């Protein structure tokens, strides 16, 4: 049985909704509970979970509470959900605090007048104006918010350029300033490398891969993925590159992202070529045109980190690349041991750049990959919840994050999707990422492993599960512990996203 209730024009933050849903799910007799805003994507997710939405009148500004389970406890579950929203049980002081919590930009500045960076995390339709206000006050901006209109992003960045200020974002979840992590970031050493990234999880992956090679990061400046598009013109990539080239503590510069517009790429190359520092360009899936004049061209994230680490340590770049070739041979051997598998690849990702890189690699080995963020427009999924042949889905896309937590925090949708994919007899491999660090789910592997085991109960040994963990052993979640949990569930865990995508593809190639 099930119950649904719509609370018109009611908003709660995504973390509150997730925590209340977990509290209700833990009630005896409850099978499933969901609290989400009434966006089109969230309604499709509810329908896919088996909820009957016929006759429901809901808008994106309404809160939808949905519960299923034993009929006798459903009304109580709805009442509890509303009670917990009003008085969260995890707030022992009832939400009151002795400390002053600013509720405006003026209030925040009065508390910390020496601050020179503002972190903005409000609904996208308001975020642009808040960013403009911060810039007018002389503050650099880290714009965590997504769903910011493109024309507003251009306006913000043009003003920032006039004022000589940086805007990291929109949709910038990660930044590193003088070794200090901001947002969703990992605990890694500080060192001689600095990164400009039009790629959030790309920044995290390179940051982590550098740390695995004993090299630290001084700065990590995220620009937002749209910055390298022709419409924006690479304003922030160019500004951040300029600032890092002028920083005497930066010894190696890294620039990463999806392949930029040709005119933007030309500007980046020209500026880097005039600098006196070695630089690594990691344009994921771009053309491999060879290194030149102290600029090293890479097409994958781990390769980018390996080359940058070699430069920082004064080692041979060619040897670093040979080590990656050797690792690839080991992946082929591992695939031979656990394969071949028959059927389709299904990838379920939380990181947009990691999803993009996985598509690039899988396409080379398996052919066309369908996605909600495809490499080619004609491969776009009609429904992001319904896979077609080889499919890799980015759960961090706006359609999944409106009125819902980012999948790096709430892994439940992907864990549930494992089971749905396992019901398809044509599926041979399921690939996924696990991103840990500050701001991420405190123990993602446990819930994902539960999803894997449920999927195995449906499909048996027909499906191989392959994953990578973007994180370190010093992160709060402990990458080694996360790996152990996944491996205990039968998941093949790789040392990088690129390796995981290759292993998944080799398993199907045979």
Protein backbone atom coordinates (compact mmCIF):
# COMPACT_ATOMS: atom_id res chain seq x y z
CA UNK A 1 0.00 0.00 0.00
CA UNK A 2 1.04 3.61 -0.43
CA UNK A 3 0.14 7.17 0.51
CA UNK A 4 1.08 10.47 -1.09
CA UNK A 5 0.58 13.97 0.26
CA UNK A 6 1.31 17.26 -1.48
CA UNK A 7 2.26 20.27 0.65
CA UNK A 8 1.65 23.29 -1.63
CA UNK A 9 4.31 26.01 -1.83
CA UNK A 10 6.45 24.34 0.82
CA UNK A 11 10.24 24.25 0.67
CA UNK A 12 12.85 22.53 2.82
CA UNK A 13 16.51 22.11 2.01
CA UNK A 14 17.57 18.84 0.40
CA UNK A 15 19.56 17.61 3.41
CA UNK A 16 16.52 17.94 5.68
CA UNK A 17 14.36 16.06 3.16
CA UNK A 18 16.89 13.22 2.89
CA UNK A 19 17.25 12.86 6.66
CA UNK A 20 13.49 12.84 7.25
CA UNK A 21 13.06 10.24 4.49
CA UNK A 22 15.66 8.01 6.16
CA UNK A 23 13.93 8.40 9.54
CA UNK A 24 10.60 7.34 8.02
CA UNK A 25 12.14 4.46 6.05
CA UNK A 26 13.51 3.07 9.32
CA UNK A 27 9.99 2.85 10.79
CA UNK A 28 8.67 -0.69 11.20
CA UNK A 29 6.35 -1.63 8.34
CA UNK A 30 7.64 1.04 5.94
CA UNK A 31 9.24 -0.18 2.70
CA UNK A 32 10.01 3.14 1.03
CA UNK A 33 9.76 6.83 1.86
CA UNK A 34 10.53 9.86 -0.26
CA UNK A 35 10.35 13.59 0.36
CA UNK A 36 11.12 15.72 -2.68
CA UNK A 37 10.08 18.83 -4.54
CA UNK A 38 7.51 18.28 -7.27
CA UNK A 39 9.82 18.69 -10.26
CA UNK A 40 9.20 16.66 -13.41
CA UNK A 41 12.32 14.56 -12.81
CA UNK A 42 11.39 13.82 -9.19
CA UNK A 43 7.88 12.77 -10.22
CA UNK A 44 9.35 10.38 -12.79
CA UNK A 45 11.60 8.94 -10.08
CA UNK A 46 8.57 8.39 -7.84
CA UNK A 47 6.69 6.72 -10.68
CA UNK A 48 9.67 4.47 -11.39
CA UNK A 49 9.64 3.49 -7.70
CA UNK A 50 6.05 2.28 -8.11
CA UNK A 51 4.06 5.22 -6.75
CA UNK A 52 0.72 5.95 -8.43
CA UNK A 53 0.69 9.64 -9.39
CA UNK A 54 -2.64 9.64 -11.22
CA UNK A 55 -4.82 12.55 -10.13
CA UNK A 56 -1.94 14.28 -8.35
CA UNK A 57 -1.82 18.03 -8.97
CA UNK A 58 1.67 19.28 -8.15
CA UNK A 59 4.10 22.03 -9.16
CA UNK A 60 7.91 22.31 -8.72
CA UNK A 61 7.24 24.62 -5.75
CA UNK A 62 5.31 21.93 -3.87
CA UNK A 63 6.69 19.30 -1.51
CA UNK A 64 5.64 15.69 -2.17
CA UNK A 65 5.72 13.14 0.66
CA UNK A 66 5.38 9.54 -0.52
CA UNK A 67 5.42 6.41 1.65
CA UNK A 68 4.76 2.74 0.94
CA UNK A 69 4.48 -0.30 3.18
CA UNK A 70 1.92 -1.85 5.53
CA UNK A 71 -1.40 0.00 5.40
CA UNK A 72 -1.69 0.24 9.19
CA UNK A 73 1.39 2.44 9.55
CA UNK A 74 1.15 4.72 6.49
CA UNK A 75 -0.93 7.47 8.10
CA UNK A 76 1.41 7.52 11.09
CA UNK A 77 4.39 7.72 8.72
CA UNK A 78 2.93 10.76 6.98
CA UNK A 79 2.26 12.43 10.31
CA UNK A 80 5.78 11.65 11.53
CA UNK A 81 7.28 13.07 8.35
CA UNK A 82 5.50 16.39 8.87
CA UNK A 83 6.41 16.36 12.56
CA UNK A 84 10.10 15.78 11.76
CA UNK A 85 10.07 18.57 9.19
CA UNK A 86 8.76 20.97 11.81
CA UNK A 87 10.99 19.68 14.62
CA UNK A 88 13.95 17.66 13.31
CA UNK A 89 14.81 14.94 15.87
CA UNK A 90 18.54 15.25 15.11
CA UNK A 91 18.55 18.86 16.36
CA UNK A 92 18.75 18.33 20.10
CA UNK A 93 18.34 22.02 20.86
CA UNK A 94 15.24 22.29 18.69
CA UNK A 95 17.10 24.26 16.08
CA UNK A 96 18.03 27.06 18.51
CA UNK A 97 21.59 28.11 19.11
CA UNK A 98 23.39 30.62 21.24
CA UNK A 99 25.76 31.52 18.38
CA UNK A 100 24.81 34.24 15.94
CA UNK A 101 23.98 32.94 12.45
CA UNK A 102 23.88 35.69 9.83
CA UNK A 103 20.82 35.66 7.60
CA UNK A 104 22.04 38.22 5.08
CA UNK A 105 25.19 39.17 3.21
CA UNK A 106 25.50 42.31 5.33
CA UNK A 107 25.32 40.20 8.47
CA UNK A 108 27.95 37.76 7.21
CA UNK A 109 30.35 40.57 6.30
CA UNK A 110 29.89 42.16 9.72
CA UNK A 111 30.94 38.87 11.36
CA UNK A 112 33.93 38.31 9.06
CA UNK A 113 34.91 41.68 7.54
CA UNK A 114 38.36 40.44 6.44
CA UNK A 115 36.92 37.70 4.17
CA UNK A 116 37.71 37.98 0.46
CA UNK A 117 35.77 34.95 -0.82
CA UNK A 118 32.02 34.39 -0.66
CA UNK A 119 30.57 30.88 -1.01
CA UNK A 120 27.07 30.99 -2.50
CA UNK A 121 24.62 28.10 -2.25
CA UNK A 122 21.09 29.30 -2.93
CA UNK A 123 18.50 28.37 -5.55
CA UNK A 124 19.88 28.98 -9.03
CA UNK A 125 17.30 31.59 -9.95
CA UNK A 126 18.56 33.80 -7.09
CA UNK A 127 22.26 32.88 -7.12
CA UNK A 128 23.26 35.18 -9.97
CA UNK A 129 22.04 38.32 -8.25
CA UNK A 130 23.72 37.31 -4.99
CA UNK A 131 26.98 36.79 -6.91
CA UNK A 132 26.70 40.24 -8.50
CA UNK A 133 26.15 41.77 -5.05
CA UNK A 134 29.28 40.03 -3.74
CA UNK A 135 31.37 41.22 -6.68
CA UNK A 136 30.23 44.81 -6.16
CA UNK A 137 31.49 44.46 -2.56
CA UNK A 138 34.91 43.34 -3.77
CA UNK A 139 34.52 39.65 -2.94
CA UNK A 140 35.74 36.74 -5.02
CA UNK A 141 32.95 34.21 -5.50
CA UNK A 142 32.64 30.45 -5.23
CA UNK A 143 29.23 29.79 -6.79
CA UNK A 144 28.13 26.33 -5.68
CA UNK A 145 24.60 26.78 -7.01
CA UNK A 146 23.55 25.11 -10.25
CA UNK A 147 20.63 25.99 -12.53
CA UNK A 148 22.05 29.51 -13.07
CA UNK A 149 20.97 30.83 -16.50
CA UNK A 150 23.81 31.08 -19.02
CA UNK A 151 23.18 34.76 -19.72
CA UNK A 152 23.47 35.49 -15.98
CA UNK A 153 26.76 33.58 -15.81
CA UNK A 154 28.15 35.70 -18.64
CA UNK A 155 27.03 38.90 -16.88
CA UNK A 156 28.66 37.80 -13.62
CA UNK A 157 31.96 36.86 -15.21
CA UNK A 158 32.22 40.02 -17.28
CA UNK A 159 31.77 42.09 -14.12
CA UNK A 160 34.34 39.96 -12.29
CA UNK A 161 36.85 40.51 -15.09
CA UNK A 162 36.33 44.27 -14.88
CA UNK A 163 36.99 44.16 -11.14
CA UNK A 164 39.88 41.69 -11.28
CA UNK A 165 37.98 39.14 -9.17
CA UNK A 166 37.53 35.40 -9.61
CA UNK A 167 34.19 33.64 -10.00
CA UNK A 168 34.43 29.91 -9.40
CA UNK A 169 31.31 28.36 -10.91
CA UNK A 170 28.35 28.24 -11.34
CA UNK A 171 27.96 24.60 -10.32
CA UNK A 172 31.40 24.70 -8.70
CA UNK A 173 31.41 22.13 -5.92
CA UNK A 174 35.16 22.02 -5.33
CA UNK A 175 37.92 24.56 -4.79
CA UNK A 176 41.34 24.60 -3.13
CA UNK A 177 42.90 27.87 -2.00
CA UNK A 178 46.44 27.69 -0.61
CA UNK A 179 45.89 24.05 0.28
CA UNK A 180 42.59 24.72 2.05
CA UNK A 181 39.71 22.66 0.66
CA UNK A 182 36.35 24.30 0.01
CA UNK A 183 33.12 22.49 -0.77
CA UNK A 184 33.29 18.84 -1.80
CA UNK A 185 37.03 18.30 -1.65
CA UNK A 186 39.55 15.76 -0.46
CA UNK A 187 42.25 15.77 2.20
CA UNK A 188 45.47 15.86 0.21
CA UNK A 189 48.92 17.39 0.77
CA UNK A 190 49.79 20.94 -0.24
CA UNK A 191 52.47 21.17 -2.90
CA UNK A 192 53.83 22.73 -6.08
CA UNK A 193 50.99 21.94 -8.52
CA UNK A 194 48.00 24.20 -9.13
CA UNK A 195 44.93 23.34 -11.18
CA UNK A 196 42.44 25.34 -13.23
CA UNK A 197 39.39 23.16 -13.78
CA UNK A 198 36.29 23.58 -15.90
CA UNK A 199 35.35 20.27 -14.33
CA UNK A 200 34.33 19.69 -10.69
CA UNK A 201 34.97 15.99 -10.18
CA UNK A 202 37.78 16.30 -12.69
CA UNK A 203 39.50 18.61 -10.22
CA UNK A 204 38.93 16.10 -7.42
CA UNK A 205 40.23 13.19 -9.48
CA UNK A 206 43.44 14.97 -10.51
CA UNK A 207 43.91 16.27 -6.94
CA UNK A 208 43.60 12.71 -5.58
CA UNK A 209 45.74 11.11 -8.30
CA UNK A 210 48.50 13.64 -7.58
CA UNK A 211 48.33 12.76 -3.88
CA UNK A 212 48.63 9.04 -4.71
CA UNK A 213 51.90 9.91 -6.44
CA UNK A 214 53.19 11.87 -3.47
CA UNK A 215 52.60 15.33 -4.96
CA UNK A 216 50.54 18.10 -3.35
CA UNK A 217 48.25 20.79 -4.72
CA UNK A 218 48.45 24.47 -3.79
CA UNK A 219 45.41 25.84 -5.64
CA UNK A 220 42.43 24.27 -7.37
CA UNK A 221 40.30 26.87 -9.14
CA UNK A 222 37.00 25.56 -10.50
CA UNK A 223 35.42 27.68 -13.21
CA UNK A 224 32.23 25.79 -14.01
CA UNK A 225 31.97 23.59 -17.08
CA UNK A 226 30.31 26.20 -19.29
CA UNK A 227 33.22 28.62 -18.97
CA UNK A 228 35.07 27.02 -21.91
CA UNK A 229 32.07 27.30 -24.23
CA UNK A 230 32.17 29.91 -26.98
CA UNK A 231 29.34 31.94 -25.40
CA UNK A 232 31.31 32.52 -22.18
CA UNK A 233 34.67 32.65 -23.91
CA UNK A 234 36.80 31.07 -21.19
CA UNK A 235 36.79 34.26 -19.11
CA UNK A 236 37.58 32.57 -15.81
CA UNK A 237 39.92 29.90 -17.19
CA UNK A 238 41.99 32.69 -18.71
CA UNK A 239 41.94 34.83 -15.53
CA UNK A 240 42.75 31.91 -13.23
CA UNK A 241 45.57 30.77 -15.51
CA UNK A 242 47.02 34.28 -15.46
CA UNK A 243 46.93 34.48 -11.67
CA UNK A 244 48.55 31.08 -11.19
CA UNK A 245 51.30 31.79 -13.69
CA UNK A 246 52.12 34.91 -11.66
CA UNK A 247 52.24 32.99 -8.35
CA UNK A 248 55.87 32.19 -7.50
CA UNK A 249 54.82 29.21 -5.37
CA UNK A 250 53.23 27.46 -8.35
CA UNK A 251 55.78 25.28 -10.13
CA UNK A 252 53.51 23.24 -12.42
CA UNK A 253 50.21 24.44 -13.91
CA UNK A 254 47.39 22.07 -14.87
CA UNK A 255 44.30 23.03 -16.88
CA UNK A 256 41.52 20.43 -17.24
CA UNK A 257 38.02 20.18 -18.66
CA UNK A 258 36.03 18.92 -21.58
CA UNK A 259 37.42 20.01 -24.98
CA UNK A 260 36.86 23.79 -25.13
CA UNK A 261 35.56 25.83 -28.04
CA UNK A 262 38.40 26.23 -30.59
CA UNK A 263 38.77 29.95 -29.95
CA UNK A 264 38.93 29.37 -26.19
CA UNK A 265 41.52 26.62 -26.55
CA UNK A 266 43.63 28.91 -28.73
CA UNK A 267 43.61 31.62 -26.03
CA UNK A 268 44.57 29.14 -23.32
CA UNK A 269 47.45 27.70 -25.35
CA UNK A 270 48.76 31.13 -26.27
CA UNK A 271 48.76 32.33 -22.66
CA UNK A 272 50.35 29.18 -21.28
CA UNK A 273 53.01 29.16 -23.98
CA UNK A 274 54.09 32.66 -22.93
CA UNK A 275 54.53 31.53 -19.32
CA UNK A 276 57.78 30.31 -17.85
CA UNK A 277 56.28 27.25 -16.12
CA UNK A 278 55.65 23.73 -17.40
CA UNK A 279 51.95 23.19 -18.02
CA UNK A 280 49.71 20.19 -18.55
CA UNK A 281 46.49 20.49 -20.54
CA UNK A 282 44.02 17.70 -19.81
CA UNK A 283 41.12 18.10 -22.22
CA UNK A 284 39.11 14.93 -21.69
CA UNK A 285 38.48 13.15 -24.97
CA UNK A 286 40.30 15.83 -26.95
CA UNK A 287 42.79 15.27 -29.72
CA UNK A 288 46.18 13.87 -28.71
CA UNK A 289 48.42 16.22 -30.67
CA UNK A 290 51.68 15.70 -28.83
CA UNK A 291 53.62 17.85 -26.39
CA UNK A 292 55.30 21.08 -27.41
CA UNK A 293 57.30 23.93 -25.89
CA UNK A 294 56.83 22.89 -22.26
CA UNK A 295 53.10 22.23 -22.72
CA UNK A 296 52.04 18.61 -22.26
CA UNK A 297 48.77 17.50 -23.86
CA UNK A 298 46.72 14.77 -22.14
CA UNK A 299 43.29 13.31 -22.83
CA UNK A 300 42.48 11.57 -19.52
CA UNK A 301 42.45 12.65 -15.89
CA UNK A 302 44.86 10.08 -14.48
CA UNK A 303 47.27 10.72 -17.34
CA UNK A 304 47.09 14.44 -16.59
CA UNK A 305 47.96 13.83 -12.94
CA UNK A 306 50.74 11.37 -13.79
CA UNK A 307 52.41 13.83 -16.16
CA UNK A 308 52.06 16.73 -13.70
CA UNK A 309 53.48 14.61 -10.88
CA UNK A 310 56.47 13.63 -13.00
CA UNK A 311 57.15 17.28 -13.82
CA UNK A 312 56.86 18.30 -10.17
CA UNK A 313 59.32 15.59 -9.09
CA UNK A 314 61.73 16.14 -11.96
CA UNK A 315 61.03 12.69 -13.40
CA UNK A 316 60.73 11.49 -16.99
CA UNK A 317 57.25 12.16 -18.41
CA UNK A 318 57.66 9.35 -20.94
CA UNK A 319 58.25 6.85 -18.11
CA UNK A 320 55.13 8.07 -16.32
CA UNK A 321 53.11 7.35 -19.45
CA UNK A 322 54.73 3.91 -19.82
CA UNK A 323 53.58 3.07 -16.30
CA UNK A 324 50.00 3.81 -17.38
CA UNK A 325 50.43 1.52 -20.40
CA UNK A 326 51.59 -1.26 -18.06
CA UNK A 327 48.55 -0.69 -15.86
CA UNK A 328 46.31 -1.10 -18.90
CA UNK A 329 47.83 -4.50 -19.65
CA UNK A 330 47.06 -5.53 -16.07
CA UNK A 331 43.44 -4.49 -16.60
CA UNK A 332 43.20 -6.75 -19.64
CA UNK A 333 44.49 -9.65 -17.54
CA UNK A 334 41.94 -8.89 -14.81
CA UNK A 335 39.16 -8.77 -17.40
CA UNK A 336 40.26 -12.17 -18.68
CA UNK A 337 40.01 -13.56 -15.17
CA UNK A 338 36.49 -12.20 -14.51
CA UNK A 339 35.10 -12.24 -18.05
CA UNK A 340 33.97 -12.26 -20.68
CA UNK A 341 30.53 -10.87 -19.86
CA UNK A 342 27.76 -10.70 -22.41
CA UNK A 343 25.42 -7.80 -23.01
CA UNK A 344 25.31 -4.10 -22.34
CA UNK A 345 27.27 -1.69 -20.18
CA UNK A 346 25.30 0.42 -17.71
CA UNK A 347 27.11 3.26 -15.95
CA UNK A 348 25.60 5.20 -13.04
CA UNK A 349 27.64 8.26 -12.10
CA UNK A 350 27.59 11.02 -9.50
CA UNK A 351 30.44 13.03 -11.06
CA UNK A 352 29.78 14.82 -14.36
CA UNK A 353 33.39 14.89 -15.57
CA UNK A 354 33.93 11.30 -14.48
CA UNK A 355 30.79 10.34 -16.40
CA UNK A 356 32.08 12.15 -19.48
CA UNK A 357 35.49 10.46 -19.27
CA UNK A 358 33.85 7.05 -18.87
CA UNK A 359 31.81 7.66 -22.02
CA UNK A 360 34.90 8.66 -24.00
CA UNK A 361 36.78 5.51 -22.98
CA UNK A 362 33.83 3.12 -23.37
CA UNK A 363 33.03 4.54 -26.81
CA UNK A 364 36.55 3.73 -28.02
CA UNK A 365 36.17 0.10 -26.97
CA UNK A 366 32.45 -0.67 -27.25
CA UNK A 367 30.95 1.81 -29.69
CA UNK A 368 28.13 4.37 -29.20
CA UNK A 369 27.16 5.21 -25.61
CA UNK A 370 23.71 6.58 -24.76
CA UNK A 371 23.44 9.13 -21.96
CA UNK A 372 21.53 12.07 -20.54
CA UNK A 373 24.80 13.95 -21.19
CA UNK A 374 25.94 12.24 -24.41
CA UNK A 375 29.06 12.83 -26.46
CA UNK A 376 26.77 13.28 -29.48
CA UNK A 377 23.27 14.76 -29.40
CA UNK A 378 21.71 11.85 -31.30
CA UNK A 379 22.65 9.53 -28.42
CA UNK A 380 20.69 11.48 -25.79
CA UNK A 381 18.30 9.31 -23.79
CA UNK A 382 14.61 10.06 -24.18
CA UNK A 383 14.18 9.16 -20.52
CA UNK A 384 17.17 9.30 -18.18
CA UNK A 385 15.60 6.57 -16.05
CA UNK A 386 15.37 4.11 -18.94
CA UNK A 387 18.62 2.72 -20.34
CA UNK A 388 19.15 1.89 -24.01
CA UNK A 389 21.89 -0.53 -25.10
CA UNK A 390 25.21 0.81 -23.71
CA UNK A 391 24.17 3.62 -21.34
CA UNK A 392 26.03 5.84 -18.87
CA UNK A 393 23.93 8.26 -16.79
CA UNK A 394 25.07 11.38 -14.92
CA UNK A 395 22.96 11.65 -11.76
CA UNK A 396 24.56 15.01 -11.01
CA UNK A 397 22.76 16.69 -13.91
CA UNK A 398 20.28 19.47 -13.14
CA UNK A 399 17.30 17.21 -13.88
CA UNK A 400 18.20 15.07 -10.86
CA UNK A 401 19.31 17.83 -8.46
CA UNK A 402 16.33 20.20 -8.57
CA UNK A 403 14.72 19.83 -5.17
CA UNK A 404 16.93 16.86 -4.36
CA UNK A 405 20.40 16.33 -2.88
CA UNK A 406 23.39 15.87 -5.16
CA UNK A 407 24.19 12.16 -5.69
CA UNK A 408 27.54 12.59 -3.95
CA UNK A 409 25.48 13.13 -0.79
CA UNK A 410 22.40 10.99 -1.44
CA UNK A 411 23.38 7.72 -3.13
CA UNK A 412 19.94 6.09 -2.77
CA UNK A 413 18.80 6.68 -6.36
CA UNK A 414 21.82 4.93 -7.81
CA UNK A 415 21.64 2.08 -5.29
CA UNK A 416 18.02 1.53 -6.30
CA UNK A 417 18.88 1.73 -10.00
CA UNK A 418 21.33 -1.18 -9.60
CA UNK A 419 18.36 -3.44 -8.94
CA UNK A 420 16.34 -2.09 -11.87
CA UNK A 421 19.26 -2.59 -14.25
CA UNK A 422 19.79 -6.11 -12.92
CA UNK A 423 16.26 -7.00 -13.99
CA UNK A 424 17.29 -6.43 -17.62
CA UNK A 425 18.65 -9.79 -18.89
CA UNK A 426 20.74 -7.94 -21.48
CA UNK A 427 22.97 -6.19 -18.94
CA UNK A 428 26.48 -7.58 -18.46
CA UNK A 429 28.39 -4.91 -16.52
CA UNK A 430 27.39 -2.08 -14.17
CA UNK A 431 29.96 0.70 -13.72
CA UNK A 432 29.83 3.43 -11.08
CA UNK A 433 31.90 6.02 -9.25
CA UNK A 434 32.23 6.67 -5.52
CA UNK A 435 33.29 10.22 -4.66
CA UNK A 436 34.26 10.89 -1.05
CA UNK A 437 35.72 13.77 0.93
CA UNK A 438 34.38 16.83 2.72
CA UNK A 439 30.69 17.48 2.07
CA UNK A 440 30.02 14.03 0.60
CA UNK A 441 28.01 11.12 1.97
CA UNK A 442 29.68 9.95 5.21
CA UNK A 443 29.62 6.28 4.14
CA UNK A 444 28.53 5.87 0.50
CA UNK A 445 30.00 2.40 0.03
CA UNK A 446 27.70 0.80 2.60
CA UNK A 447 24.47 1.86 0.88
CA UNK A 448 25.88 1.22 -2.60
CA UNK A 449 27.07 -2.24 -1.53
CA UNK A 450 23.57 -3.02 -0.25
CA UNK A 451 22.25 -2.08 -3.69
CA UNK A 452 24.84 -4.33 -5.34
CA UNK A 453 23.85 -7.29 -3.17
CA UNK A 454 20.16 -6.76 -3.94
CA UNK A 455 21.01 -6.62 -7.65
CA UNK A 456 23.03 -9.83 -7.37
CA UNK A 457 20.03 -11.48 -5.71
CA UNK A 458 18.11 -10.69 -8.91
CA UNK A 459 20.79 -11.40 -11.52
CA UNK A 460 23.13 -13.86 -9.81
CA UNK A 461 26.65 -13.76 -11.22
CA UNK A 462 25.51 -12.63 -14.67
CA UNK A 463 26.50 -9.00 -13.98
CA UNK A 464 29.96 -7.76 -13.05
CA UNK A 465 30.13 -4.60 -10.94
CA UNK A 466 33.07 -2.23 -11.48
CA UNK A 467 33.81 0.96 -9.53
CA UNK A 468 36.43 3.56 -8.77
CA UNK A 469 36.84 5.62 -5.60
CA UNK A 470 37.81 9.27 -5.88
CA UNK A 471 39.31 9.94 -2.48
CA UNK A 472 42.14 9.24 -0.06
CA UNK A 473 42.64 7.23 3.11
CA UNK A 474 42.83 10.49 5.05
CA UNK A 475 39.34 11.57 3.94
CA UNK A 476 36.65 11.24 6.63
CA UNK A 477 35.17 8.21 4.84
CA UNK A 478 38.61 6.50 4.43
CA UNK A 479 39.06 5.31 0.84
CA UNK A 480 40.59 2.02 2.01
CA UNK A 481 37.54 1.24 4.16
CA UNK A 482 35.17 2.19 1.33
CA UNK A 483 37.08 -0.09 -1.02
CA UNK A 484 36.92 -3.00 1.42
CA UNK A 485 33.14 -2.65 1.79
CA UNK A 486 32.63 -2.68 -1.98
CA UNK A 487 35.00 -5.58 -2.56
CA UNK A 488 33.21 -7.61 0.13
CA UNK A 489 30.06 -7.13 -1.97
CA UNK A 490 31.86 -8.49 -5.04
CA UNK A 491 32.69 -5.18 -6.73
CA UNK A 492 35.88 -4.88 -8.80
CA UNK A 493 37.41 -1.62 -7.55
CA UNK A 494 39.96 0.23 -9.69
CA UNK A 495 42.53 2.89 -8.80
CA UNK A 496 41.11 5.55 -11.13
CA UNK A 497 37.99 6.35 -13.09
CA UNK A 498 39.78 5.77 -16.40
CA UNK A 499 40.88 2.32 -15.28
CA UNK A 500 37.37 1.42 -14.13
CA UNK A 501 35.87 2.45 -17.47
CA UNK A 502 38.49 0.41 -19.32
CA UNK A 503 38.01 -2.67 -17.15
CA UNK A 504 34.22 -2.50 -17.59
CA UNK A 505 34.68 -2.28 -21.36
CA UNK A 506 37.28 -5.06 -21.53
CA UNK A 507 34.94 -7.36 -19.59
CA UNK A 508 32.38 -6.99 -22.38
CA UNK A 509 34.85 -7.16 -25.24
CA UNK A 510 36.16 -10.54 -24.07
